[in-house]
Amino acid sequence: MEKRISEYESVGEFLVAIKKEFRGGKKETVKVAELKKLEQGGKMMEEFVQEFRKVARGSGYEGYPLIEEFKRGINTIIRGRLMKVECQPSYIEQ
């Protein structure tokens, strides 16, 4: 192997630095995966909204992509009714 000057004294130190640098990305990826699996099912809308907000926090999603994930997760009947509304909701409270 070619000898290089390293700012790390050991492989362990290097791995700690890598984990520190990329740990936020892993958390965000996990949150996005949870968000994509989330469905209302038989839950009341208020319960689903609370759960959705909890999972969405830290996902990096906001604005339109977040609204689309919310609409995807709600029951099909409610989603169908929302699509027929003249003024489409632009945030969860609506």
PDB file of N, CA and C in Angstrom:
ATOM      1  N   MET A   1       0.835  -1.191   0.000  1.00  0.00           N
ATOM      2  CA  MET A   1       0.000   0.000   0.000  1.00  0.00           C
ATOM      3  C   MET A   1       0.872   1.244   0.000  1.00  0.00           C
ATOM      4  N   GLU A   2       0.380   2.212  -0.625  1.00  0.00           N
ATOM      5  CA  GLU A   2       1.074   3.490  -0.668  1.00  0.00           C
ATOM      6  C   GLU A   2       0.960   4.174   0.689  1.00  0.00           C
ATOM      7  N   LYS A   3       2.068   4.706   1.172  1.00  0.00           N
ATOM      8  CA  LYS A   3       2.042   5.388   2.468  1.00  0.00           C
ATOM      9  C   LYS A   3       1.499   6.795   2.274  1.00  0.00           C
ATOM     10  N   ARG A   4       0.537   7.136   3.134  1.00  0.00           N
ATOM     11  CA  ARG A   4      -0.052   8.482   3.093  1.00  0.00           C
ATOM     12  C   ARG A   4      -0.099   9.033   4.508  1.00  0.00           C
ATOM     13  N   ILE A   5      -0.047  10.327   4.605  1.00  0.00           N
ATOM     14  CA  ILE A   5      -0.181  10.968   5.910  1.00  0.00           C
ATOM     15  C   ILE A   5      -1.670  11.058   6.209  1.00  0.00           C
ATOM     16  N   SER A   6      -2.048  10.592   7.373  1.00  0.00           N
ATOM     17  CA  SER A   6      -3.453  10.572   7.747  1.00  0.00           C
ATOM     18  C   SER A   6      -3.685  11.460   8.950  1.00  0.00           C
ATOM     19  N   GLU A   7      -4.848  12.082   8.989  1.00  0.00           N
ATOM     20  CA  GLU A   7      -5.194  12.896  10.148  1.00  0.00           C
ATOM     21  C   GLU A   7      -5.747  12.027  11.274  1.00  0.00           C
ATOM     22  N   TYR A   8      -5.945  10.744  11.003  1.00  0.00           N
ATOM     23  CA  TYR A   8      -6.455   9.799  11.996  1.00  0.00           C
ATOM     24  C   TYR A   8      -5.321   8.888  12.440  1.00  0.00           C
ATOM     25  N   GLU A   9      -5.286   8.607  13.736  1.00  0.00           N
ATOM     26  CA  GLU A   9      -4.216   7.765  14.256  1.00  0.00           C
ATOM     27  C   GLU A   9      -4.547   6.286  14.213  1.00  0.00           C
ATOM     28  N   SER A  10      -5.832   5.974  14.054  1.00  0.00           N
ATOM     29  CA  SER A  10      -6.219   4.559  14.001  1.00  0.00           C
ATOM     30  C   SER A  10      -7.447   4.395  13.122  1.00  0.00           C
ATOM     31  N   VAL A  11      -7.704   3.163  12.745  1.00  0.00           N
ATOM     32  CA  VAL A  11      -8.893   2.845  11.959  1.00  0.00           C
ATOM     33  C   VAL A  11     -10.140   3.158  12.782  1.00  0.00           C
ATOM     34  N   GLY A  12     -10.085   2.846  14.073  1.00  0.00           N
ATOM     35  CA  GLY A  12     -11.213   3.120  14.969  1.00  0.00           C
ATOM     36  C   GLY A  12     -11.568   4.599  14.995  1.00  0.00           C
ATOM     37  N   GLU A  13     -10.558   5.449  15.074  1.00  0.00           N
ATOM     38  CA  GLU A  13     -10.765   6.899  15.071  1.00  0.00           C
ATOM     39  C   GLU A  13     -11.399   7.342  13.749  1.00  0.00           C
ATOM     40  N   PHE A  14     -10.937   6.753  12.660  1.00  0.00           N
ATOM     41  CA  PHE A  14     -11.486   7.061  11.341  1.00  0.00           C
ATOM     42  C   PHE A  14     -12.965   6.664  11.262  1.00  0.00           C
ATOM     43  N   LEU A  15     -13.307   5.466  11.763  1.00  0.00           N
ATOM     44  CA  LEU A  15     -14.695   4.991  11.729  1.00  0.00           C
ATOM     45  C   LEU A  15     -15.605   5.868  12.583  1.00  0.00           C
ATOM     46  N   VAL A  16     -15.124   6.321  13.724  1.00  0.00           N
ATOM     47  CA  VAL A  16     -15.907   7.231  14.572  1.00  0.00           C
ATOM     48  C   VAL A  16     -16.201   8.522  13.806  1.00  0.00           C
ATOM     49  N   ALA A  17     -15.197   9.047  13.110  1.00  0.00           N
ATOM     50  CA  ALA A  17     -15.381  10.277  12.323  1.00  0.00           C
ATOM     51  C   ALA A  17     -16.399  10.071  11.209  1.00  0.00           C
ATOM     52  N   ILE A  18     -16.336   8.923  10.538  1.00  0.00           N
ATOM     53  CA  ILE A  18     -17.284   8.612   9.454  1.00  0.00           C
ATOM     54  C   ILE A  18     -18.700   8.544  10.003  1.00  0.00           C
ATOM     55  N   LYS A  19     -18.878   7.827  11.127  1.00  0.00           N
ATOM     56  CA  LYS A  19     -20.209   7.698  11.728  1.00  0.00           C
ATOM     57  C   LYS A  19     -20.764   9.057  12.123  1.00  0.00           C
ATOM     58  N   LYS A  20     -19.916   9.920  12.691  1.00  0.00           N
ATOM     59  CA  LYS A  20     -20.355  11.266  13.071  1.00  0.00           C
ATOM     60  C   LYS A  20     -20.819  12.053  11.849  1.00  0.00           C
ATOM     61  N   GLU A  21     -20.066  11.940  10.783  1.00  0.00           N
ATOM     62  CA  GLU A  21     -20.352  12.693   9.555  1.00  0.00           C
ATOM     63  C   GLU A  21     -21.660  12.262   8.895  1.00  0.00           C
ATOM     64  N   PHE A  22     -21.958  10.968   8.914  1.00  0.00           N
ATOM     65  CA  PHE A  22     -23.097  10.456   8.156  1.00  0.00           C
ATOM     66  C   PHE A  22     -24.284  10.007   9.002  1.00  0.00           C
ATOM     67  N   ARG A  23     -24.217  10.130  10.296  1.00  0.00           N
ATOM     68  CA  ARG A  23     -25.305   9.612  11.129  1.00  0.00           C
ATOM     69  C   ARG A  23     -26.625  10.316  10.865  1.00  0.00           C
ATOM     70  N   GLY A  24     -26.633  11.612  10.566  1.00  0.00           N
ATOM     71  CA  GLY A  24     -27.870  12.334  10.272  1.00  0.00           C
ATOM     72  C   GLY A  24     -28.582  11.761   9.062  1.00  0.00           C
ATOM     73  N   GLY A  25     -27.832  11.365   8.051  1.00  0.00           N
ATOM     74  CA  GLY A  25     -28.421  10.802   6.844  1.00  0.00           C
ATOM     75  C   GLY A  25     -29.141   9.499   7.110  1.00  0.00           C
ATOM     76  N   LYS A  26     -28.583   8.685   7.987  1.00  0.00           N
ATOM     77  CA  LYS A  26     -29.203   7.398   8.299  1.00  0.00           C
ATOM     78  C   LYS A  26     -30.526   7.618   9.022  1.00  0.00           C
ATOM     79  N   LYS A  27     -30.535   8.537   9.967  1.00  0.00           N
ATOM     80  CA  LYS A  27     -31.761   8.828  10.719  1.00  0.00           C
ATOM     81  C   LYS A  27     -32.848   9.327   9.770  1.00  0.00           C
ATOM     82  N   GLU A  28     -32.470  10.211   8.870  1.00  0.00           N
ATOM     83  CA  GLU A  28     -33.414  10.758   7.894  1.00  0.00           C
ATOM     84  C   GLU A  28     -33.960   9.657   6.984  1.00  0.00           C
ATOM     85  N   THR A  29     -33.093   8.762   6.551  1.00  0.00           N
ATOM     86  CA  THR A  29     -33.499   7.655   5.688  1.00  0.00           C
ATOM     87  C   THR A  29     -34.495   6.750   6.396  1.00  0.00           C
ATOM     88  N   VAL A  30     -34.243   6.472   7.675  1.00  0.00           N
ATOM     89  CA  VAL A  30     -35.148   5.635   8.460  1.00  0.00           C
ATOM     90  C   VAL A  30     -36.504   6.325   8.606  1.00  0.00           C
ATOM     91  N   LYS A  31     -36.490   7.632   8.883  1.00  0.00           N
ATOM     92  CA  LYS A  31     -37.740   8.391   9.034  1.00  0.00           C
ATOM     93  C   LYS A  31     -38.545   8.383   7.731  1.00  0.00           C
ATOM     94  N   VAL A  32     -37.890   8.541   6.598  1.00  0.00           N
ATOM     95  CA  VAL A  32     -38.569   8.519   5.302  1.00  0.00           C
ATOM     96  C   VAL A  32     -39.204   7.154   5.066  1.00  0.00           C
ATOM     97  N   ALA A  33     -38.482   6.091   5.387  1.00  0.00           N
ATOM     98  CA  ALA A  33     -39.017   4.735   5.219  1.00  0.00           C
ATOM     99  C   ALA A  33     -40.244   4.530   6.110  1.00  0.00           C
ATOM    100  N   GLU A  34     -40.183   5.008   7.352  1.00  0.00           N
ATOM    101  CA  GLU A  34     -41.329   4.912   8.261  1.00  0.00           C
ATOM    102  C   GLU A  34     -42.515   5.692   7.707  1.00  0.00           C
ATOM    103  N   LEU A  35     -42.240   6.868   7.175  1.00  0.00           N
ATOM    104  CA  LEU A  35     -43.286   7.731   6.616  1.00  0.00           C
ATOM    105  C   LEU A  35     -43.972   7.052   5.437  1.00  0.00           C
ATOM    106  N   LYS A  36     -43.206   6.397   4.599  1.00  0.00           N
ATOM    107  CA  LYS A  36     -43.760   5.729   3.420  1.00  0.00           C
ATOM    108  C   LYS A  36     -44.588   4.498   3.786  1.00  0.00           C
ATOM    109  N   LYS A  37     -44.328   3.887   4.945  1.00  0.00           N
ATOM    110  CA  LYS A  37     -45.092   2.724   5.380  1.00  0.00           C
ATOM    111  C   LYS A  37     -46.347   3.111   6.169  1.00  0.00           C
ATOM    112  N   LEU A  38     -46.397   4.337   6.647  1.00  0.00           N
ATOM    113  CA  LEU A  38     -47.473   4.775   7.525  1.00  0.00           C
ATOM    114  C   LEU A  38     -48.812   4.841   6.793  1.00  0.00           C
ATOM    115  N   GLU A  39     -49.823   4.215   7.371  1.00  0.00           N
ATOM    116  CA  GLU A  39     -51.179   4.246   6.813  1.00  0.00           C
ATOM    117  C   GLU A  39     -52.183   4.462   7.924  1.00  0.00           C
ATOM    118  N   GLN A  40     -53.272   5.120   7.608  1.00  0.00           N
ATOM    119  CA  GLN A  40     -54.297   5.424   8.590  1.00  0.00           C
ATOM    120  C   GLN A  40     -54.993   4.167   9.101  1.00  0.00           C
ATOM    121  N   GLY A  41     -55.335   3.273   8.211  1.00  0.00           N
ATOM    122  CA  GLY A  41     -56.034   2.057   8.608  1.00  0.00           C
ATOM    123  C   GLY A  41     -57.342   2.401   9.298  1.00  0.00           C
ATOM    124  N   GLY A  42     -57.595   1.820  10.452  1.00  0.00           N
ATOM    125  CA  GLY A  42     -58.840   2.057  11.181  1.00  0.00           C
ATOM    126  C   GLY A  42     -58.737   3.162  12.214  1.00  0.00           C
ATOM    127  N   LYS A  43     -57.614   3.894  12.221  1.00  0.00           N
ATOM    128  CA  LYS A  43     -57.420   4.965  13.199  1.00  0.00           C
ATOM    129  C   LYS A  43     -58.282   6.176  12.877  1.00  0.00           C
ATOM    130  N   MET A  44     -58.648   6.902  13.929  1.00  0.00           N
ATOM    131  CA  MET A  44     -59.331   8.176  13.735  1.00  0.00           C
ATOM    132  C   MET A  44     -58.335   9.133  13.090  1.00  0.00           C
ATOM    133  N   MET A  45     -58.831  10.116  12.345  1.00  0.00           N
ATOM    134  CA  MET A  45     -57.955  11.055  11.640  1.00  0.00           C
ATOM    135  C   MET A  45     -57.018  11.789  12.607  1.00  0.00           C
ATOM    136  N   GLU A  46     -57.532  12.196  13.767  1.00  0.00           N
ATOM    137  CA  GLU A  46     -56.696  12.917  14.736  1.00  0.00           C
ATOM    138  C   GLU A  46     -55.503  12.063  15.175  1.00  0.00           C
ATOM    139  N   GLU A  47     -55.753  10.779  15.397  1.00  0.00           N
ATOM    140  CA  GLU A  47     -54.699   9.857  15.808  1.00  0.00           C
ATOM    141  C   GLU A  47     -53.666   9.696  14.690  1.00  0.00           C
ATOM    142  N   PHE A  48     -54.158   9.562  13.457  1.00  0.00           N
ATOM    143  CA  PHE A  48     -53.252   9.421  12.316  1.00  0.00           C
ATOM    144  C   PHE A  48     -52.410  10.682  12.136  1.00  0.00           C
ATOM    145  N   VAL A  49     -53.019  11.857  12.285  1.00  0.00           N
ATOM    146  CA  VAL A  49     -52.291  13.124  12.134  1.00  0.00           C
ATOM    147  C   VAL A  49     -51.168  13.200  13.167  1.00  0.00           C
ATOM    148  N   GLN A  50     -51.448  12.856  14.407  1.00  0.00           N
ATOM    149  CA  GLN A  50     -50.418  12.888  15.450  1.00  0.00           C
ATOM    150  C   GLN A  50     -49.269  11.934  15.126  1.00  0.00           C
ATOM    151  N   GLU A  51     -49.607  10.727  14.714  1.00  0.00           N
ATOM    152  CA  GLU A  51     -48.589   9.740  14.371  1.00  0.00           C
ATOM    153  C   GLU A  51     -47.777  10.206  13.155  1.00  0.00           C
ATOM    154  N   PHE A  52     -48.471  10.759  12.165  1.00  0.00           N
ATOM    155  CA  PHE A  52     -47.801  11.249  10.954  1.00  0.00           C
ATOM    156  C   PHE A  52     -46.814  12.355  11.306  1.00  0.00           C
ATOM    157  N   ARG A  53     -47.243  13.296  12.124  1.00  0.00           N
ATOM    158  CA  ARG A  53     -46.352  14.401  12.514  1.00  0.00           C
ATOM    159  C   ARG A  53     -45.117  13.893  13.246  1.00  0.00           C
ATOM    160  N   LYS A  54     -45.322  12.933  14.128  1.00  0.00           N
ATOM    161  CA  LYS A  54     -44.207  12.364  14.890  1.00  0.00           C
ATOM    162  C   LYS A  54     -43.189  11.724  13.953  1.00  0.00           C
ATOM    163  N   VAL A  55     -43.674  10.945  13.003  1.00  0.00           N
ATOM    164  CA  VAL A  55     -42.784  10.264  12.058  1.00  0.00           C
ATOM    165  C   VAL A  55     -42.161  11.260  11.078  1.00  0.00           C
ATOM    166  N   ALA A  56     -42.934  12.264  10.647  1.00  0.00           N
ATOM    167  CA  ALA A  56     -42.445  13.236   9.665  1.00  0.00           C
ATOM    168  C   ALA A  56     -41.322  14.100  10.225  1.00  0.00           C
ATOM    169  N   ARG A  57     -41.360  14.359  11.535  1.00  0.00           N
ATOM    170  CA  ARG A  57     -40.316  15.164  12.173  1.00  0.00           C
ATOM    171  C   ARG A  57     -38.974  14.477  11.985  1.00  0.00           C
ATOM    172  N   GLY A  58     -38.055  15.156  11.368  1.00  0.00           N
ATOM    173  CA  GLY A  58     -36.727  14.587  11.144  1.00  0.00           C
ATOM    174  C   GLY A  58     -36.583  13.834   9.833  1.00  0.00           C
ATOM    175  N   SER A  59     -37.653  13.793   9.032  1.00  0.00           N
ATOM    176  CA  SER A  59     -37.586  13.068   7.760  1.00  0.00           C
ATOM    177  C   SER A  59     -36.962  13.900   6.645  1.00  0.00           C
ATOM    178  N   GLY A  60     -36.932  15.208   6.843  1.00  0.00           N
ATOM    179  CA  GLY A  60     -36.436  16.099   5.793  1.00  0.00           C
ATOM    180  C   GLY A  60     -37.519  16.480   4.803  1.00  0.00           C
ATOM    181  N   TYR A  61     -38.702  15.859   4.914  1.00  0.00           N
ATOM    182  CA  TYR A  61     -39.817  16.180   4.025  1.00  0.00           C
ATOM    183  C   TYR A  61     -40.518  17.430   4.542  1.00  0.00           C
ATOM    184  N   GLU A  62     -40.897  18.287   3.619  1.00  0.00           N
ATOM    185  CA  GLU A  62     -41.706  19.452   3.955  1.00  0.00           C
ATOM    186  C   GLU A  62     -42.448  19.900   2.705  1.00  0.00           C
ATOM    187  N   GLY A  63     -43.412  20.784   2.890  1.00  0.00           N
ATOM    188  CA  GLY A  63     -44.160  21.309   1.755  1.00  0.00           C
ATOM    189  C   GLY A  63     -44.905  20.236   0.984  1.00  0.00           C
ATOM    190  N   TYR A  64     -44.878  20.361  -0.336  1.00  0.00           N
ATOM    191  CA  TYR A  64     -45.635  19.484  -1.227  1.00  0.00           C
ATOM    192  C   TYR A  64     -45.318  17.988  -1.034  1.00  0.00           C
ATOM    193  N   PRO A  65     -44.038  17.576  -0.969  1.00  0.00           N
ATOM    194  CA  PRO A  65     -43.754  16.144  -0.776  1.00  0.00           C
ATOM    195  C   PRO A  65     -44.358  15.599   0.518  1.00  0.00           C
ATOM    196  N   LEU A  66     -44.359  16.406   1.570  1.00  0.00           N
ATOM    197  CA  LEU A  66     -44.934  15.968   2.838  1.00  0.00           C
ATOM    198  C   LEU A  66     -46.447  15.802   2.723  1.00  0.00           C
ATOM    199  N   ILE A  67     -47.097  16.734   2.054  1.00  0.00           N
ATOM    200  CA  ILE A  67     -48.547  16.654   1.839  1.00  0.00           C
ATOM    201  C   ILE A  67     -48.892  15.424   1.013  1.00  0.00           C
ATOM    202  N   GLU A  68     -48.103  15.137  -0.006  1.00  0.00           N
ATOM    203  CA  GLU A  68     -48.355  13.961  -0.847  1.00  0.00           C
ATOM    204  C   GLU A  68     -48.227  12.665  -0.038  1.00  0.00           C
ATOM    205  N   GLU A  69     -47.256  12.588   0.847  1.00  0.00           N
ATOM    206  CA  GLU A  69     -47.111  11.403   1.703  1.00  0.00           C
ATOM    207  C   GLU A  69     -48.298  11.292   2.654  1.00  0.00           C
ATOM    208  N   PHE A  70     -48.773  12.424   3.154  1.00  0.00           N
ATOM    209  CA  PHE A  70     -49.934  12.414   4.042  1.00  0.00           C
ATOM    210  C   PHE A  70     -51.160  11.889   3.298  1.00  0.00           C
ATOM    211  N   LYS A  71     -51.400  12.422   2.100  1.00  0.00           N
ATOM    212  CA  LYS A  71     -52.556  11.984   1.305  1.00  0.00           C
ATOM    213  C   LYS A  71     -52.453  10.497   0.958  1.00  0.00           C
ATOM    214  N   ARG A  72     -51.250  10.021   0.667  1.00  0.00           N
ATOM    215  CA  ARG A  72     -51.051   8.620   0.330  1.00  0.00           C
ATOM    216  C   ARG A  72     -51.412   7.730   1.519  1.00  0.00           C
ATOM    217  N   GLY A  73     -51.155   8.205   2.738  1.00  0.00           N
ATOM    218  CA  GLY A  73     -51.370   7.395   3.922  1.00  0.00           C
ATOM    219  C   GLY A  73     -52.790   7.357   4.447  1.00  0.00           C
ATOM    220  N   ILE A  74     -53.613   8.320   4.056  1.00  0.00           N
ATOM    221  CA  ILE A  74     -54.980   8.340   4.586  1.00  0.00           C
ATOM    222  C   ILE A  74     -55.853   7.320   3.853  1.00  0.00           C
ATOM    223  N   ASN A  75     -56.984   7.005   4.472  1.00  0.00           N
ATOM    224  CA  ASN A  75     -57.903   6.030   3.890  1.00  0.00           C
ATOM    225  C   ASN A  75     -58.328   6.423   2.483  1.00  0.00           C
ATOM    226  N   THR A  76     -58.564   5.439   1.648  1.00  0.00           N
ATOM    227  CA  THR A  76     -58.919   5.668   0.247  1.00  0.00           C
ATOM    228  C   THR A  76     -60.193   6.498   0.105  1.00  0.00           C
ATOM    229  N   ILE A  77     -61.174   6.257   0.941  1.00  0.00           N
ATOM    230  CA  ILE A  77     -62.439   6.996   0.858  1.00  0.00           C
ATOM    231  C   ILE A  77     -62.204   8.471   1.137  1.00  0.00           C
ATOM    232  N   ILE A  78     -61.461   8.757   2.197  1.00  0.00           N
ATOM    233  CA  ILE A  78     -61.178  10.155   2.548  1.00  0.00           C
ATOM    234  C   ILE A  78     -60.338  10.802   1.450  1.00  0.00           C
ATOM    235  N   ARG A  79     -59.340  10.076   0.948  1.00  0.00           N
ATOM    236  CA  ARG A  79     -58.492  10.601  -0.129  1.00  0.00           C
ATOM    237  C   ARG A  79     -59.339  10.950  -1.351  1.00  0.00           C
ATOM    238  N   GLY A  80     -60.273  10.072  -1.704  1.00  0.00           N
ATOM    239  CA  GLY A  80     -61.156  10.323  -2.848  1.00  0.00           C
ATOM    240  C   GLY A  80     -61.986  11.577  -2.658  1.00  0.00           C
ATOM    241  N   ARG A  81     -62.497  11.764  -1.460  1.00  0.00           N
ATOM    242  CA  ARG A  81     -63.284  12.972  -1.165  1.00  0.00           C
ATOM    243  C   ARG A  81     -62.423  14.226  -1.247  1.00  0.00           C
ATOM    244  N   LEU A  82     -61.199  14.129  -0.756  1.00  0.00           N
ATOM    245  CA  LEU A  82     -60.296  15.280  -0.822  1.00  0.00           C
ATOM    246  C   LEU A  82     -59.997  15.684  -2.263  1.00  0.00           C
ATOM    247  N   MET A  83     -59.872  14.697  -3.136  1.00  0.00           N
ATOM    248  CA  MET A  83     -59.555  14.974  -4.538  1.00  0.00           C
ATOM    249  C   MET A  83     -60.710  15.678  -5.258  1.00  0.00           C
ATOM    250  N   LYS A  84     -61.910  15.534  -4.721  1.00  0.00           N
ATOM    251  CA  LYS A  84     -63.083  16.148  -5.345  1.00  0.00           C
ATOM    252  C   LYS A  84     -63.345  17.566  -4.841  1.00  0.00           C
ATOM    253  N   VAL A  85     -62.667  17.957  -3.763  1.00  0.00           N
ATOM    254  CA  VAL A  85     -62.863  19.288  -3.181  1.00  0.00           C
ATOM    255  C   VAL A  85     -62.302  20.343  -4.134  1.00  0.00           C
ATOM    256  N   GLU A  86     -63.046  21.421  -4.299  1.00  0.00           N
ATOM    257  CA  GLU A  86     -62.639  22.479  -5.222  1.00  0.00           C
ATOM    258  C   GLU A  86     -61.316  23.123  -4.800  1.00  0.00           C
ATOM    259  N   CYS A  87     -61.190  23.453  -3.528  1.00  0.00           N
ATOM    260  CA  CYS A  87     -59.966  24.082  -3.014  1.00  0.00           C
ATOM    261  C   CYS A  87     -59.153  23.019  -2.269  1.00  0.00           C
ATOM    262  N   GLN A  88     -58.129  22.489  -2.926  1.00  0.00           N
ATOM    263  CA  GLN A  88     -57.315  21.424  -2.355  1.00  0.00           C
ATOM    264  C   GLN A  88     -56.573  21.919  -1.094  1.00  0.00           C
ATOM    265  N   PRO A  89     -56.553  21.111  -0.032  1.00  0.00           N
ATOM    266  CA  PRO A  89     -55.821  21.498   1.179  1.00  0.00           C
ATOM    267  C   PRO A  89     -54.334  21.658   0.893  1.00  0.00           C
ATOM    268  N   SER A  90     -53.718  22.644   1.534  1.00  0.00           N
ATOM    269  CA  SER A  90     -52.285  22.846   1.317  1.00  0.00           C
ATOM    270  C   SER A  90     -51.476  22.565   2.575  1.00  0.00           C
ATOM    271  N   TYR A  91     -52.153  22.218   3.674  1.00  0.00           N
ATOM    272  CA  TYR A  91     -51.470  21.775   4.875  1.00  0.00           C
ATOM    273  C   TYR A  91     -52.395  20.850   5.657  1.00  0.00           C
ATOM    274  N   ILE A  92     -51.834  20.076   6.577  1.00  0.00           N
ATOM    275  CA  ILE A  92     -52.558  19.002   7.250  1.00  0.00           C
ATOM    276  C   ILE A  92     -53.836  19.471   7.953  1.00  0.00           C
ATOM    277  N   GLU A  93     -53.790  20.601   8.624  1.00  0.00           N
ATOM    278  CA  GLU A  93     -54.971  21.066   9.362  1.00  0.00           C
ATOM    279  C   GLU A  93     -56.192  21.248   8.473  1.00  0.00           C
ATOM    280  N   GLN A  94     -55.996  21.554   7.222  1.00  0.00           N
ATOM    281  CA  GLN A  94     -57.118  21.737   6.306  1.00  0.00           C
ATOM    282  C   GLN A  94     -57.747  20.397   5.980  1.00  0.00           C
TER     283      GLN A  94
END
